[in-house]
């Protein structure tokens, strides 16, 4: 069954362990998606998602608006609207909105009943 909805009407939930980061599950397995799930992330000014990894989940992302820094396996990238990002399974990644404006990106992942997030504590 097809699904069409307004993204603004999908609830925003805080991202676990984050500061000023929110997730919206735009299309998920709950909608009948068998292969991919589509999520939208919002990073508030100075918002952050700490370092983490997913052993068996890859990410494909498209930046809708804003500027921020993403760190993937200790390499920093300055990200801007229109950029695309691929994060392979097992890569440690984190997001830092080091700007004064909100940032948003879409993130597509394989549909899984469960997947594990391993949070990395920096020392």
N, C-alpha and C. Protein backbone atom coordinates (compact mmCIF):
# COMPACT_ATOMS: atom_id res chain seq x y z
N UNK A 1 0.84 -1.18 0.00
CA UNK A 1 0.00 0.00 0.00
C UNK A 1 0.88 1.25 0.00
N UNK A 2 0.58 2.18 -0.86
CA UNK A 2 1.35 3.42 -0.95
C UNK A 2 1.15 4.28 0.29
N UNK A 3 2.15 5.10 0.60
CA UNK A 3 2.08 6.03 1.72
C UNK A 3 2.46 7.42 1.21
N UNK A 4 1.61 8.39 1.47
CA UNK A 4 1.89 9.79 1.16
C UNK A 4 1.52 10.59 2.40
N UNK A 5 2.46 11.40 2.89
CA UNK A 5 2.16 12.22 4.08
C UNK A 5 3.01 13.48 4.05
N UNK A 6 2.59 14.44 4.81
CA UNK A 6 3.35 15.68 4.96
C UNK A 6 4.41 15.47 6.03
N UNK A 7 5.66 15.73 5.69
CA UNK A 7 6.75 15.48 6.65
C UNK A 7 6.61 16.33 7.91
N UNK A 8 6.01 17.51 7.77
CA UNK A 8 5.85 18.38 8.94
C UNK A 8 4.92 17.78 9.99
N UNK A 9 4.09 16.82 9.56
CA UNK A 9 3.14 16.20 10.49
C UNK A 9 3.70 14.94 11.17
N UNK A 10 4.91 14.54 10.80
CA UNK A 10 5.55 13.38 11.42
C UNK A 10 6.24 13.85 12.70
N UNK A 11 5.99 13.16 13.80
CA UNK A 11 6.53 13.62 15.09
C UNK A 11 8.06 13.60 15.11
N UNK A 12 8.61 14.61 15.79
CA UNK A 12 10.06 14.72 16.01
C UNK A 12 10.36 14.16 17.38
N UNK A 13 11.33 13.27 17.44
CA UNK A 13 11.76 12.69 18.71
C UNK A 13 13.22 13.05 18.94
N UNK A 14 13.61 13.31 20.18
CA UNK A 14 15.03 13.56 20.46
C UNK A 14 15.87 12.33 20.11
N UNK A 15 17.03 12.56 19.53
CA UNK A 15 17.96 11.47 19.26
C UNK A 15 18.63 11.07 20.57
N UNK A 16 18.68 9.78 20.83
CA UNK A 16 19.30 9.25 22.05
C UNK A 16 20.70 9.84 22.25
N UNK A 17 20.99 10.25 23.47
CA UNK A 17 22.30 10.78 23.91
C UNK A 17 22.73 12.06 23.20
N UNK A 18 21.85 12.66 22.44
CA UNK A 18 22.21 13.86 21.70
C UNK A 18 21.91 15.11 22.51
N UNK A 19 22.36 16.22 21.97
CA UNK A 19 22.04 17.53 22.50
C UNK A 19 21.51 18.35 21.32
N UNK A 20 20.21 18.62 21.29
CA UNK A 20 19.64 19.45 20.23
C UNK A 20 19.54 18.76 18.89
N UNK A 21 19.36 17.42 18.89
CA UNK A 21 19.19 16.68 17.64
C UNK A 21 17.88 15.90 17.69
N UNK A 22 17.18 15.88 16.56
CA UNK A 22 15.85 15.26 16.50
C UNK A 22 15.73 14.38 15.26
N UNK A 23 14.94 13.33 15.38
CA UNK A 23 14.72 12.40 14.28
C UNK A 23 13.23 12.30 13.98
N UNK A 24 12.92 12.18 12.69
CA UNK A 24 11.57 11.89 12.23
C UNK A 24 11.66 10.65 11.33
N UNK A 25 10.91 9.62 11.65
CA UNK A 25 10.84 8.43 10.80
C UNK A 25 9.79 8.71 9.73
N UNK A 26 10.23 9.17 8.56
CA UNK A 26 9.30 9.56 7.51
C UNK A 26 8.63 8.35 6.87
N UNK A 27 9.41 7.34 6.53
CA UNK A 27 8.90 6.08 5.99
C UNK A 27 9.68 4.97 6.67
N UNK A 28 8.96 3.99 7.22
CA UNK A 28 9.65 2.91 7.93
C UNK A 28 8.98 1.57 7.64
N UNK A 29 9.52 0.53 8.21
CA UNK A 29 8.93 -0.81 8.05
C UNK A 29 7.50 -0.84 8.58
N UNK A 30 7.16 0.06 9.53
CA UNK A 30 5.79 0.15 10.04
C UNK A 30 4.81 0.59 8.95
N UNK A 31 5.35 1.24 7.91
CA UNK A 31 4.53 1.67 6.77
C UNK A 31 4.51 0.62 5.67
N UNK A 32 5.21 -0.49 5.89
CA UNK A 32 5.28 -1.55 4.88
C UNK A 32 6.55 -1.53 4.06
N UNK A 33 7.48 -0.61 4.35
CA UNK A 33 8.75 -0.56 3.62
C UNK A 33 9.58 -1.80 3.97
N UNK A 34 9.89 -2.59 2.97
CA UNK A 34 10.59 -3.85 3.22
C UNK A 34 12.10 -3.74 3.04
N UNK A 35 12.56 -2.73 2.29
CA UNK A 35 13.99 -2.65 1.97
C UNK A 35 14.72 -1.47 2.58
N UNK A 36 14.10 -0.30 2.60
CA UNK A 36 14.76 0.91 3.08
C UNK A 36 13.83 1.72 3.98
N UNK A 37 14.45 2.48 4.89
CA UNK A 37 13.70 3.40 5.74
C UNK A 37 14.28 4.80 5.53
N UNK A 38 13.39 5.78 5.55
CA UNK A 38 13.77 7.17 5.32
C UNK A 38 13.53 7.96 6.59
N UNK A 39 14.62 8.60 7.04
CA UNK A 39 14.54 9.41 8.26
C UNK A 39 15.01 10.83 7.95
N UNK A 40 14.49 11.77 8.71
CA UNK A 40 14.93 13.17 8.60
C UNK A 40 15.48 13.57 9.96
N UNK A 41 16.69 14.12 9.96
CA UNK A 41 17.32 14.60 11.18
C UNK A 41 17.38 16.12 11.16
N UNK A 42 17.18 16.71 12.32
CA UNK A 42 17.32 18.14 12.51
C UNK A 42 18.36 18.37 13.60
N UNK A 43 19.35 19.20 13.29
CA UNK A 43 20.37 19.58 14.28
C UNK A 43 20.17 21.06 14.61
N UNK A 44 19.83 21.34 15.84
CA UNK A 44 19.69 22.73 16.28
C UNK A 44 21.05 23.40 16.26
N UNK A 45 21.07 24.75 16.25
CA UNK A 45 22.36 25.43 16.35
C UNK A 45 23.11 24.91 17.58
N UNK A 46 24.36 24.55 17.39
CA UNK A 46 25.23 23.98 18.42
C UNK A 46 24.78 22.57 18.86
N UNK A 47 23.87 21.96 18.10
CA UNK A 47 23.41 20.60 18.41
C UNK A 47 24.48 19.57 18.08
N UNK A 48 24.34 18.38 18.68
CA UNK A 48 25.38 17.37 18.53
C UNK A 48 24.80 15.97 18.71
N UNK A 49 25.24 15.04 17.86
CA UNK A 49 25.01 13.61 18.06
C UNK A 49 26.38 13.01 18.32
N UNK A 50 26.59 12.42 19.50
CA UNK A 50 27.93 11.94 19.86
C UNK A 50 28.39 10.74 19.02
N UNK A 51 29.67 10.40 19.11
CA UNK A 51 30.23 9.30 18.31
C UNK A 51 29.51 7.98 18.58
N UNK A 52 29.22 7.27 17.48
CA UNK A 52 28.57 5.98 17.57
C UNK A 52 28.80 5.21 16.28
N UNK A 53 28.41 3.94 16.29
CA UNK A 53 28.51 3.12 15.09
C UNK A 53 27.38 2.11 15.07
N UNK A 54 27.18 1.55 13.89
CA UNK A 54 26.21 0.48 13.67
C UNK A 54 26.97 -0.58 12.87
N UNK A 55 27.19 -1.74 13.46
CA UNK A 55 28.02 -2.78 12.84
C UNK A 55 27.51 -3.22 11.47
N UNK A 56 26.20 -3.29 11.28
CA UNK A 56 25.68 -3.87 10.04
C UNK A 56 24.72 -2.95 9.29
N UNK A 57 24.79 -1.66 9.55
CA UNK A 57 23.90 -0.71 8.88
C UNK A 57 24.73 0.35 8.16
N UNK A 58 24.48 0.50 6.87
CA UNK A 58 25.09 1.62 6.14
C UNK A 58 24.10 2.77 6.12
N UNK A 59 24.62 3.99 5.93
CA UNK A 59 23.80 5.20 5.86
C UNK A 59 24.08 5.90 4.53
N UNK A 60 23.03 6.41 3.93
CA UNK A 60 23.16 7.31 2.78
C UNK A 60 22.38 8.56 3.13
N UNK A 61 23.05 9.71 3.02
CA UNK A 61 22.45 10.95 3.51
C UNK A 61 22.50 12.05 2.45
N UNK A 62 21.50 12.92 2.53
CA UNK A 62 21.41 14.10 1.67
C UNK A 62 21.10 15.30 2.56
N UNK A 63 21.93 16.34 2.45
CA UNK A 63 21.79 17.52 3.30
C UNK A 63 20.77 18.48 2.68
N UNK A 64 19.70 18.73 3.42
CA UNK A 64 18.62 19.61 2.96
C UNK A 64 18.93 21.08 3.19
N UNK A 65 19.50 21.38 4.38
CA UNK A 65 19.80 22.78 4.68
C UNK A 65 20.83 22.86 5.80
N UNK A 66 21.51 24.00 5.85
CA UNK A 66 22.44 24.27 6.92
C UNK A 66 23.87 23.83 6.64
N UNK A 67 24.70 24.04 7.65
CA UNK A 67 26.12 23.67 7.62
C UNK A 67 26.46 23.03 8.95
N UNK A 68 27.26 21.98 8.90
CA UNK A 68 27.69 21.32 10.12
C UNK A 68 28.94 20.51 9.84
N UNK A 69 29.48 19.92 10.88
CA UNK A 69 30.66 19.06 10.76
C UNK A 69 30.24 17.63 11.04
N UNK A 70 30.70 16.72 10.21
CA UNK A 70 30.53 15.30 10.49
C UNK A 70 31.94 14.70 10.60
N UNK A 71 32.11 13.86 11.57
CA UNK A 71 33.38 13.16 11.74
C UNK A 71 33.11 11.69 11.50
N UNK A 72 33.82 11.12 10.53
CA UNK A 72 33.69 9.70 10.19
C UNK A 72 35.06 9.06 10.34
N UNK A 73 35.16 8.11 11.26
CA UNK A 73 36.44 7.43 11.53
C UNK A 73 37.58 8.44 11.68
N UNK A 74 37.37 9.43 12.54
CA UNK A 74 38.35 10.46 12.90
C UNK A 74 38.69 11.47 11.80
N UNK A 75 37.99 11.43 10.67
CA UNK A 75 38.22 12.43 9.63
C UNK A 75 37.05 13.41 9.63
N UNK A 76 37.38 14.73 9.70
CA UNK A 76 36.36 15.77 9.75
C UNK A 76 36.00 16.24 8.35
N UNK A 77 34.69 16.44 8.17
CA UNK A 77 34.17 16.97 6.91
C UNK A 77 33.26 18.14 7.23
N UNK A 78 33.43 19.24 6.51
CA UNK A 78 32.53 20.38 6.61
C UNK A 78 31.41 20.16 5.60
N UNK A 79 30.19 20.08 6.10
CA UNK A 79 29.03 19.70 5.30
C UNK A 79 28.15 20.92 5.06
N UNK A 80 27.54 20.95 3.86
CA UNK A 80 26.64 22.06 3.51
C UNK A 80 25.47 21.52 2.69
N UNK A 81 24.46 22.35 2.55
CA UNK A 81 23.27 22.01 1.77
C UNK A 81 23.65 21.44 0.40
N UNK A 82 23.00 20.33 0.04
CA UNK A 82 23.25 19.70 -1.25
C UNK A 82 24.31 18.61 -1.22
N UNK A 83 25.08 18.51 -0.14
CA UNK A 83 26.10 17.45 -0.05
C UNK A 83 25.44 16.10 0.17
N UNK A 84 26.13 15.05 -0.28
CA UNK A 84 25.69 13.68 -0.05
C UNK A 84 26.78 12.94 0.71
N UNK A 85 26.37 12.00 1.55
CA UNK A 85 27.30 11.32 2.47
C UNK A 85 26.98 9.83 2.45
N UNK A 86 28.02 9.01 2.40
CA UNK A 86 27.87 7.57 2.57
C UNK A 86 28.69 7.16 3.79
N UNK A 87 28.05 6.49 4.74
CA UNK A 87 28.73 6.00 5.94
C UNK A 87 28.64 4.47 5.91
N UNK A 88 29.78 3.79 5.75
CA UNK A 88 29.73 2.32 5.67
C UNK A 88 29.44 1.68 7.02
N UNK A 89 29.00 0.43 7.02
CA UNK A 89 28.77 -0.28 8.28
C UNK A 89 30.05 -0.29 9.12
N UNK A 90 29.88 -0.10 10.42
CA UNK A 90 31.01 -0.15 11.35
C UNK A 90 31.81 1.12 11.47
N UNK A 91 31.52 2.15 10.68
CA UNK A 91 32.27 3.42 10.76
C UNK A 91 31.77 4.24 11.94
N UNK A 92 32.69 4.71 12.76
CA UNK A 92 32.33 5.60 13.86
C UNK A 92 32.04 6.98 13.27
N UNK A 93 30.89 7.54 13.65
CA UNK A 93 30.51 8.84 13.11
C UNK A 93 29.82 9.68 14.17
N UNK A 94 29.97 11.00 14.01
CA UNK A 94 29.31 11.96 14.91
C UNK A 94 29.01 13.23 14.13
N UNK A 95 28.05 13.98 14.66
CA UNK A 95 27.57 15.19 14.01
C UNK A 95 27.68 16.36 14.98
N UNK A 96 28.19 17.49 14.49
CA UNK A 96 28.32 18.69 15.31
C UNK A 96 27.84 19.89 14.49
N UNK A 97 26.75 20.50 14.93
CA UNK A 97 26.29 21.71 14.25
C UNK A 97 27.02 22.88 14.90
N UNK A 98 28.13 23.25 14.29
CA UNK A 98 28.96 24.33 14.83
C UNK A 98 28.59 25.67 14.20
N UNK A 99 27.32 25.79 13.77
CA UNK A 99 26.86 27.04 13.18
C UNK A 99 25.74 27.62 14.04
N UNK A 100 25.26 28.77 13.64
CA UNK A 100 24.17 29.42 14.35
C UNK A 100 22.83 29.22 13.66
N UNK A 101 22.77 28.27 12.72
CA UNK A 101 21.50 28.00 12.04
C UNK A 101 21.18 26.51 12.10
N UNK A 102 19.90 26.21 12.02
CA UNK A 102 19.45 24.83 12.04
C UNK A 102 19.93 24.10 10.78
N UNK A 103 20.23 22.81 10.92
CA UNK A 103 20.61 21.97 9.79
C UNK A 103 19.66 20.78 9.72
N UNK A 104 19.42 20.30 8.50
CA UNK A 104 18.55 19.14 8.30
C UNK A 104 19.16 18.23 7.24
N UNK A 105 19.02 16.92 7.45
CA UNK A 105 19.45 15.97 6.43
C UNK A 105 18.54 14.76 6.42
N UNK A 106 18.43 14.16 5.24
CA UNK A 106 17.72 12.90 5.09
C UNK A 106 18.72 11.77 5.24
N UNK A 107 18.27 10.68 5.82
CA UNK A 107 19.13 9.52 6.02
C UNK A 107 18.35 8.26 5.65
N UNK A 108 18.90 7.51 4.71
CA UNK A 108 18.28 6.26 4.27
C UNK A 108 19.10 5.11 4.81
N UNK A 109 18.42 4.15 5.43
CA UNK A 109 19.09 2.96 5.97
C UNK A 109 18.32 1.71 5.53
N UNK A 110 18.97 0.55 5.56
CA UNK A 110 18.24 -0.69 5.28
C UNK A 110 17.16 -0.91 6.34
N UNK A 111 16.03 -1.43 5.92
CA UNK A 111 14.95 -1.74 6.87
C UNK A 111 15.37 -2.93 7.72
N UNK A 112 15.33 -2.76 9.01
CA UNK A 112 15.68 -3.83 9.95
C UNK A 112 14.68 -3.78 11.10
N UNK A 113 14.30 -4.93 11.59
CA UNK A 113 13.44 -4.98 12.77
C UNK A 113 14.15 -4.34 13.95
N UNK A 114 15.43 -4.67 14.09
CA UNK A 114 16.26 -4.08 15.14
C UNK A 114 17.66 -3.87 14.58
N UNK A 115 18.29 -2.82 15.02
CA UNK A 115 19.72 -2.68 14.74
C UNK A 115 20.36 -2.04 15.96
N UNK A 116 21.61 -2.35 16.15
CA UNK A 116 22.30 -1.93 17.36
C UNK A 116 23.10 -0.66 17.11
N UNK A 117 22.98 0.27 18.04
CA UNK A 117 23.82 1.45 18.07
C UNK A 117 24.81 1.29 19.21
N UNK A 118 26.09 1.38 18.89
CA UNK A 118 27.14 1.34 19.91
C UNK A 118 27.66 2.75 20.09
N UNK A 119 27.49 3.30 21.29
CA UNK A 119 27.95 4.66 21.58
C UNK A 119 29.40 4.58 22.02
N UNK A 120 30.21 5.53 21.52
CA UNK A 120 31.64 5.57 21.80
C UNK A 120 31.91 6.69 22.79
N UNK A 121 32.45 6.33 23.93
CA UNK A 121 32.82 7.35 24.92
C UNK A 121 34.23 7.83 24.64
N UNK A 122 34.36 9.13 24.36
CA UNK A 122 35.69 9.71 24.14
C UNK A 122 36.35 9.94 25.48
N UNK A 123 37.61 9.66 25.52
CA UNK A 123 38.37 9.85 26.76
C UNK A 123 39.29 11.02 26.65
